[in-house]
Amino acid sequence: MGQRTVLVTAHTGKHTALHSARLVAERLTAAGIAVRTLAAELSVPGAKEMPASPEAAEGAELVIVLGGDGALLRAAELSRPAGVPLIGVNLGHVGFLAEAEPDGLADAVDRVVARHYVVEERMTIDVTVRGNGSPIASTWALNEATVEKAARERMIELVIEVDGRPLSRWGCDGVVCSTPTGSTAYAFSAGGPVVWPEVEALLMVPISAHALFAPPMVVSPRSVLAVELIVRAETSGAVLWCDGRRKVDLPPGARMEVRRGALPVLLARLHAPSARGGQFTDRLVAKFGLPVTGWRGRTWEDAGEHA
């Protein structure tokens, strides 16, 4: 068995992230684990500097990400094609995808060293943009693909389609096509439902739609969602954003198709997932500061055990 290798990445705009990344790299190196870093981010004695490409993650055991959800989404561009799990340490705001907080950094590294983690697959979406029937762009997303108006003062008009059949026409600011992982991101802000990550589904959530029928929708993971732009002089141009990182300018009459991604993103978790999704429930409570005072739990079961 060869030497274990971990890629350490950080949010380059945060001094705390760079400092924490150096601490992580030093701790891993002391445990005999080879460390890689991205050449453009940080320099650590003994670490191998790599270009910011999937080659950086190829053959690694894990990618440790220091930063917020944006940093983790950026790292997913490297880890996904390499089939390597990500583990995030939150140095941002909500950090919903992160597995550890700054005060648990040392413990998180120790768990990685001891291999005390499990890996779960997160569904992605593949996105194709067509103009006049011909593909003009192809990309993917872990959270969401969003068609948005390009001009603030004008809305866009579009027809949405599910499984090859037209469903409705909206005048709106845009539409979010999301994975369950993305249900707590942009789709949540747009009024969509929170979907537990073990549920396999696609979500379509309108943004400020002027229409009688414009609810958030949850469809089969085998479905194909499509959004077609209506060409009208008084409507705005539109853009496609994937995970807020990859942008495609949409020509008039463009069509965006969304389907389940061919490759998942792998996330490492420091605790085995609960059979009933309890860990995700705890994450919702912690990240959104939800009030749970007064909860008594399954007290009747406790009473039965001591009867």
Protein backbone atom coordinates (compact mmCIF):
# COMPACT_ATOMS: atom_id res chain seq x y z
CA MET A 1 0.00 0.00 0.00
CA GLY A 2 1.40 3.41 -1.02
CA GLN A 3 1.70 6.49 1.13
CA ARG A 4 -1.55 8.24 1.99
CA THR A 5 -1.99 11.61 0.26
CA VAL A 6 -4.31 14.52 1.06
CA LEU A 7 -4.87 17.70 -0.95
CA VAL A 8 -5.34 20.78 1.25
CA THR A 9 -7.07 23.84 -0.27
CA ALA A 10 -8.01 27.17 1.24
CA HIS A 11 -9.98 30.35 0.55
CA THR A 12 -7.11 32.55 -0.62
CA GLY A 13 -8.89 35.74 0.42
CA LYS A 14 -9.05 34.75 4.08
CA HIS A 15 -5.94 35.03 6.26
CA THR A 16 -7.51 32.64 8.81
CA ALA A 17 -8.04 30.05 6.07
CA LEU A 18 -4.44 30.17 4.95
CA HIS A 19 -3.20 29.97 8.55
CA SER A 20 -5.51 27.02 9.28
CA ALA A 21 -4.46 25.28 6.06
CA ARG A 22 -0.81 25.45 7.12
CA LEU A 23 -1.69 23.99 10.52
CA VAL A 24 -3.63 21.15 8.84
CA ALA A 25 -0.77 20.44 6.44
CA GLU A 26 1.79 20.37 9.27
CA ARG A 27 -0.39 18.02 11.34
CA LEU A 28 -0.91 15.65 8.42
CA THR A 29 2.78 15.66 7.55
CA ALA A 30 3.67 14.87 11.16
CA ALA A 31 1.37 11.82 10.90
CA GLY A 32 3.25 10.57 7.83
CA ILE A 33 0.61 11.62 5.29
CA ALA A 34 1.83 13.27 2.09
CA VAL A 35 0.32 16.72 1.54
CA ARG A 36 -0.48 18.48 -1.70
CA THR A 37 -1.43 22.15 -2.02
CA LEU A 38 -2.46 24.32 -4.94
CA ALA A 39 0.50 26.37 -6.14
CA ALA A 40 -1.56 29.56 -6.36
CA GLU A 41 -2.85 29.29 -2.79
CA LEU A 42 -0.21 28.53 -0.19
CA SER A 43 3.27 27.20 0.29
CA VAL A 44 3.92 24.65 3.04
CA PRO A 45 7.33 23.13 3.71
CA GLY A 46 7.32 19.51 2.52
CA ALA A 47 4.03 19.84 0.60
CA LYS A 48 3.88 19.19 -3.14
CA GLU A 49 2.49 22.19 -5.02
CA MET A 50 0.05 21.32 -7.79
CA PRO A 51 -1.74 23.24 -10.55
CA ALA A 52 -5.39 24.06 -9.97
CA SER A 53 -6.71 21.21 -12.11
CA PRO A 54 -8.23 17.75 -11.47
CA GLU A 55 -4.66 16.42 -11.60
CA ALA A 56 -4.17 17.97 -8.15
CA ALA A 57 -6.71 15.57 -6.61
CA GLU A 58 -5.91 12.51 -8.73
CA GLY A 59 -4.93 9.58 -6.50
CA ALA A 60 -5.47 11.49 -3.25
CA GLU A 61 -7.43 10.00 -0.36
CA LEU A 62 -9.21 13.24 0.52
CA VAL A 63 -9.45 16.92 -0.29
CA ILE A 64 -9.62 19.08 2.85
CA VAL A 65 -11.18 22.47 2.18
CA LEU A 66 -10.65 25.45 4.51
CA GLY A 67 -13.28 28.12 3.88
CA GLY A 68 -17.01 28.46 3.30
CA ASP A 69 -19.39 26.71 0.93
CA GLY A 70 -17.97 28.70 -2.00
CA ALA A 71 -14.51 27.27 -1.38
CA LEU A 72 -15.96 23.77 -1.20
CA LEU A 73 -17.86 24.24 -4.48
CA ARG A 74 -14.63 25.40 -6.09
CA ALA A 75 -12.76 22.38 -4.76
CA ALA A 76 -15.51 20.12 -6.14
CA GLU A 77 -14.37 21.11 -9.63
CA LEU A 78 -11.09 19.34 -8.85
CA SER A 79 -12.37 16.41 -6.78
CA ARG A 80 -15.39 15.33 -8.85
CA PRO A 81 -13.55 14.16 -11.99
CA ALA A 82 -10.89 12.52 -9.80
CA GLY A 83 -13.50 10.65 -7.72
CA VAL A 84 -11.98 11.92 -4.46
CA PRO A 85 -14.07 12.84 -1.38
CA LEU A 86 -14.21 16.41 -0.02
CA ILE A 87 -14.28 17.39 3.63
CA GLY A 88 -14.90 21.02 4.55
CA VAL A 89 -13.87 23.08 7.58
CA ASN A 90 -16.17 26.10 7.82
CA LEU A 91 -14.42 29.45 7.95
CA GLY A 92 -17.28 31.27 6.24
CA HIS A 93 -20.77 32.23 7.39
CA VAL A 94 -23.32 29.40 7.29
CA GLY A 95 -20.99 26.78 5.82
CA PHE A 96 -23.79 24.30 5.32
CA LEU A 97 -21.67 21.79 3.41
CA ALA A 98 -18.77 21.90 5.87
CA GLU A 99 -18.18 19.05 8.27
CA ALA A 100 -16.23 20.85 10.99
CA GLU A 101 -15.97 24.28 12.61
CA PRO A 102 -12.69 26.09 13.39
CA ASP A 103 -12.70 25.03 17.05
CA GLY A 104 -12.87 21.40 15.92
CA LEU A 105 -10.05 21.65 13.39
CA ALA A 106 -7.48 19.55 15.29
CA ASP A 107 -10.06 16.86 16.08
CA ALA A 108 -11.14 16.75 12.42
CA VAL A 109 -7.56 16.20 11.26
CA ASP A 110 -7.04 13.50 13.90
CA ARG A 111 -10.15 11.72 12.64
CA VAL A 112 -8.85 11.87 9.08
CA VAL A 113 -5.51 10.46 10.22
CA ALA A 114 -7.34 7.62 12.04
CA ARG A 115 -9.65 7.08 9.01
CA HIS A 116 -12.67 7.76 11.23
CA TYR A 117 -14.91 9.04 8.46
CA VAL A 118 -17.49 7.76 6.03
CA VAL A 119 -18.04 8.81 2.42
CA GLU A 120 -21.41 9.64 0.92
CA GLU A 121 -22.41 10.42 -2.64
CA ARG A 122 -24.16 13.67 -3.47
CA MET A 123 -26.20 13.83 -6.63
CA THR A 124 -25.19 16.40 -9.24
CA ILE A 125 -26.89 17.75 -12.36
CA ASP A 126 -25.60 17.92 -15.92
CA VAL A 127 -26.66 21.02 -17.85
CA THR A 128 -26.87 21.47 -21.61
CA VAL A 129 -27.62 24.78 -23.34
CA ARG A 130 -28.98 24.71 -26.88
CA GLY A 131 -29.39 27.47 -29.42
CA ASN A 132 -31.48 26.77 -32.52
CA GLY A 133 -31.42 23.09 -31.53
CA SER A 134 -27.63 22.80 -31.42
CA PRO A 135 -25.63 22.39 -28.18
CA ILE A 136 -23.69 25.58 -27.39
CA ALA A 137 -22.58 24.86 -23.83
CA SER A 138 -22.32 21.95 -21.42
CA THR A 139 -21.63 22.19 -17.69
CA TRP A 140 -22.69 20.76 -14.32
CA ALA A 141 -23.63 21.73 -10.76
CA LEU A 142 -23.65 20.29 -7.26
CA ASN A 143 -26.17 22.80 -5.88
CA GLU A 144 -28.12 24.38 -8.69
CA ALA A 145 -28.36 25.68 -12.24
CA THR A 146 -30.13 29.03 -12.37
CA VAL A 147 -31.53 30.93 -15.34
CA GLU A 148 -31.67 34.61 -14.34
CA LYS A 149 -32.56 37.88 -16.01
CA ALA A 150 -29.55 39.88 -17.15
CA ALA A 151 -31.09 43.32 -16.60
CA ARG A 152 -32.48 44.34 -13.23
CA GLU A 153 -35.32 46.49 -14.65
CA ARG A 154 -36.77 43.78 -16.92
CA MET A 155 -38.08 40.30 -16.32
CA ILE A 156 -37.61 37.29 -18.55
CA GLU A 157 -40.36 35.18 -20.07
CA LEU A 158 -39.94 31.45 -20.36
CA VAL A 159 -41.69 28.12 -20.79
CA ILE A 160 -40.81 25.29 -18.44
CA GLU A 161 -40.89 21.65 -19.49
CA VAL A 162 -40.79 18.35 -17.61
CA ASP A 163 -40.02 15.08 -19.42
CA GLY A 164 -40.58 16.52 -22.87
CA ARG A 165 -43.96 18.11 -22.09
CA PRO A 166 -44.62 21.85 -21.57
CA LEU A 167 -45.91 22.66 -18.09
CA SER A 168 -46.32 26.42 -17.78
CA ARG A 169 -45.19 29.84 -19.02
CA TRP A 170 -43.79 32.37 -16.57
CA GLY A 171 -42.84 36.01 -16.59
CA CYS A 172 -40.24 36.00 -13.82
CA ASP A 173 -36.82 36.96 -12.54
CA GLY A 174 -35.59 33.43 -13.20
CA VAL A 175 -35.83 29.77 -12.23
CA VAL A 176 -33.67 27.50 -10.08
CA CYS A 177 -33.11 23.85 -11.00
CA SER A 178 -31.62 22.24 -7.92
CA THR A 179 -30.36 19.02 -6.40
CA PRO A 180 -31.34 17.97 -2.85
CA THR A 181 -27.93 19.28 -1.71
CA GLY A 182 -28.80 22.65 -3.24
CA SER A 183 -32.23 22.74 -1.60
CA THR A 184 -30.71 24.66 1.35
CA ALA A 185 -28.92 27.13 -0.96
CA TYR A 186 -30.44 29.39 -3.65
CA ALA A 187 -33.57 27.24 -3.99
CA PHE A 188 -34.25 27.72 -0.27
CA SER A 189 -33.92 31.51 -0.62
CA ALA A 190 -36.37 31.41 -3.54
CA GLY A 191 -38.99 29.61 -1.42
CA GLY A 192 -38.25 26.01 -2.29
CA PRO A 193 -38.55 23.05 0.09
CA VAL A 194 -35.73 21.61 2.18
CA VAL A 195 -34.99 18.12 0.86
CA TRP A 196 -33.01 15.62 2.94
CA PRO A 197 -29.83 14.64 1.05
CA GLU A 198 -30.64 10.92 0.92
CA VAL A 199 -33.78 11.73 -1.10
CA GLU A 200 -33.09 11.45 -4.82
CA ALA A 201 -34.99 14.15 -6.69
CA LEU A 202 -34.73 17.22 -8.89
CA LEU A 203 -36.22 20.56 -7.84
CA MET A 204 -37.56 23.42 -9.95
CA VAL A 205 -38.20 26.68 -8.08
CA PRO A 206 -39.37 29.91 -9.78
CA ILE A 207 -37.90 33.28 -8.78
CA SER A 208 -40.60 35.98 -8.40
CA ALA A 209 -42.86 34.48 -11.06
CA HIS A 210 -45.93 36.38 -12.29
CA ALA A 211 -48.19 33.41 -12.95
CA LEU A 212 -51.22 31.65 -11.52
CA PHE A 213 -49.32 28.36 -11.33
CA ALA A 214 -45.76 28.82 -10.13
CA PRO A 215 -45.13 26.55 -7.13
CA PRO A 216 -41.79 24.98 -6.24
CA MET A 217 -41.79 21.46 -7.70
CA VAL A 218 -40.03 18.22 -6.79
CA VAL A 219 -39.75 15.65 -9.57
CA SER A 220 -38.16 12.26 -10.20
CA PRO A 221 -34.36 12.06 -10.42
CA ARG A 222 -34.91 10.37 -13.79
CA SER A 223 -36.81 13.38 -15.15
CA VAL A 224 -35.38 15.92 -17.57
CA LEU A 225 -36.16 19.55 -16.81
CA ALA A 226 -36.03 22.19 -19.54
CA VAL A 227 -36.35 25.96 -19.62
CA GLU A 228 -36.95 27.77 -22.92
CA LEU A 229 -36.56 31.54 -23.26
CA ILE A 230 -39.34 33.36 -25.07
CA VAL A 231 -38.09 36.02 -27.48
CA ARG A 232 -39.88 39.33 -26.87
CA ALA A 233 -38.56 42.86 -27.40
CA GLU A 234 -39.65 44.07 -23.96
CA THR A 235 -38.05 41.23 -21.97
CA SER A 236 -34.52 41.03 -20.63
CA GLY A 237 -31.62 38.93 -21.78
CA ALA A 238 -30.70 36.00 -19.56
CA VAL A 239 -27.71 34.21 -18.08
CA LEU A 240 -27.13 30.73 -16.72
CA TRP A 241 -25.21 30.30 -13.46
CA CYS A 242 -24.11 26.92 -12.13
CA ASP A 243 -23.25 26.91 -8.42
CA GLY A 244 -22.70 30.67 -8.72
CA ARG A 245 -19.35 29.90 -10.38
CA ARG A 246 -19.81 28.93 -14.01
CA LYS A 247 -21.63 31.45 -16.22
CA VAL A 248 -23.15 31.08 -19.69
CA ASP A 249 -24.74 34.02 -21.52
CA LEU A 250 -27.98 32.76 -23.02
CA PRO A 251 -28.90 33.92 -26.54
CA PRO A 252 -32.54 34.78 -27.37
CA GLY A 253 -34.62 31.63 -27.63
CA ALA A 254 -32.06 29.49 -25.82
CA ARG A 255 -33.04 26.22 -24.20
CA MET A 256 -31.50 24.83 -21.01
CA GLU A 257 -31.83 21.12 -20.21
CA VAL A 258 -31.12 19.69 -16.76
CA ARG A 259 -30.76 16.00 -15.92
CA ARG A 260 -29.14 13.90 -13.22
CA GLY A 261 -25.36 14.17 -13.38
CA ALA A 262 -23.26 11.28 -14.62
CA LEU A 263 -20.72 11.85 -11.83
CA PRO A 264 -21.61 12.47 -8.16
CA VAL A 265 -19.63 14.61 -5.75
CA LEU A 266 -18.22 12.62 -2.82
CA LEU A 267 -18.40 14.17 0.66
CA ALA A 268 -16.57 12.76 3.67
CA ARG A 269 -18.44 12.79 6.97
CA LEU A 270 -16.81 12.47 10.37
CA HIS A 271 -19.83 10.66 11.81
CA ALA A 272 -21.78 7.77 10.36
CA PRO A 273 -25.06 9.07 8.91
CA SER A 274 -28.16 8.34 10.95
CA ALA A 275 -30.57 5.79 9.50
CA ARG A 276 -33.35 8.34 9.93
CA GLY A 277 -31.45 11.39 8.76
CA GLY A 278 -31.02 12.74 12.28
CA GLN A 279 -27.61 14.16 11.52
CA PHE A 280 -29.06 16.37 8.77
CA THR A 281 -31.80 17.51 11.16
CA ASP A 282 -29.14 18.52 13.68
CA ARG A 283 -27.27 20.37 10.92
CA LEU A 284 -30.40 22.37 10.02
CA VAL A 285 -30.92 23.33 13.66
CA ALA A 286 -27.28 24.36 14.12
CA LYS A 287 -26.76 26.22 10.85
CA PHE A 288 -30.05 28.13 10.86
CA GLY A 289 -30.25 28.63 14.63
CA LEU A 290 -33.67 26.98 14.78
CA PRO A 291 -35.60 27.12 18.09
CA VAL A 292 -36.06 23.67 19.63
CA THR A 293 -36.56 24.67 23.27
CA GLY A 294 -39.32 22.58 24.84
CA TRP A 295 -38.60 19.43 22.85
CA ARG A 296 -39.07 16.39 25.09
CA GLY A 297 -38.23 13.64 22.63
CA ARG A 298 -39.39 10.05 22.74
CA THR A 299 -39.87 10.05 26.50
CA TRP A 300 -42.37 7.16 26.41
CA GLU A 301 -39.63 4.86 25.07
CA ASP A 302 -37.34 5.84 27.97
CA ALA A 303 -40.15 5.12 30.40
CA GLY A 304 -40.69 1.69 28.84
CA GLU A 305 -37.01 0.82 29.13
CA HIS A 306 -37.04 1.51 32.90
CA ALA A 307 -40.41 -0.06 33.64
